[in-house]
Amino acid sequence: MEPDPSIESLQRQHAALEAQIMAETGHAYYDSVAVRQMKLEKLRLKEELDRLRRH
């Protein structure tokens, strides 16, 4: 069975957001609002991935 391209795309987006969050929070002073928005988007992507994997 071939992997679903939309799942792969969502996984790449999820990983990219994780990298952005890690880079941003690595600074002594970081934009907590931006990090919160990235985390919410990452959660949305995770939920979409879970939904696609179940179907």
Protein backbone atom coordinates (compact mmCIF):
# COMPACT_ATOMS: atom_id res chain seq x y z
CA MET A 1 0.00 0.00 0.00
CA GLU A 2 1.40 3.39 -1.03
CA PRO A 3 1.56 6.21 1.51
CA ASP A 4 -1.08 8.89 1.07
CA PRO A 5 0.54 12.07 -0.35
CA SER A 6 -1.70 14.26 1.79
CA ILE A 7 -0.56 12.44 4.93
CA GLU A 8 3.08 12.87 3.91
CA SER A 9 2.51 16.57 3.29
CA LEU A 10 0.86 17.02 6.68
CA GLN A 11 3.72 15.13 8.34
CA ARG A 12 6.26 17.45 6.69
CA GLN A 13 4.30 20.51 7.80
CA HIS A 14 4.05 19.12 11.34
CA ALA A 15 7.82 18.46 11.46
CA ALA A 16 8.58 21.93 10.07
CA LEU A 17 6.43 23.54 12.75
CA GLU A 18 8.18 21.49 15.43
CA ALA A 19 11.54 22.75 14.14
CA GLN A 20 10.30 26.36 14.11
CA ILE A 21 8.99 26.02 17.67
CA MET A 22 12.29 24.55 18.87
CA ALA A 23 14.27 27.31 17.15
CA GLU A 24 12.06 30.06 18.55
CA THR A 25 12.03 28.74 22.12
CA GLY A 26 15.81 28.30 22.01
CA HIS A 27 16.23 32.05 22.42
CA ALA A 28 16.38 33.66 25.85
CA TYR A 29 13.49 35.93 24.89
CA TYR A 30 10.98 34.60 22.42
CA ASP A 31 7.59 35.59 21.10
CA SER A 32 5.25 33.51 23.24
CA VAL A 33 2.23 34.54 21.16
CA ALA A 34 3.87 33.30 17.96
CA VAL A 35 4.90 30.06 19.66
CA ARG A 36 1.36 29.54 20.93
CA GLN A 37 -0.02 30.03 17.41
CA MET A 38 2.52 27.57 16.00
CA LYS A 39 1.59 25.02 18.68
CA LEU A 40 -2.11 25.41 17.89
CA GLU A 41 -1.41 24.91 14.18
CA LYS A 42 0.74 21.87 14.99
CA LEU A 43 -2.12 20.42 17.05
CA ARG A 44 -4.55 21.06 14.18
CA LEU A 45 -2.21 19.20 11.81
CA LYS A 46 -1.87 16.30 14.26
CA GLU A 47 -5.64 16.00 14.56
CA GLU A 48 -6.00 16.05 10.78
CA LEU A 49 -3.33 13.35 10.46
CA ASP A 50 -5.13 11.19 13.02
CA ARG A 51 -8.41 11.67 11.18
CA LEU A 52 -6.87 10.67 7.82
CA ARG A 53 -5.14 7.62 9.29
CA ARG A 54 -8.40 6.29 10.73
CA HIS A 55 -10.13 6.37 7.34
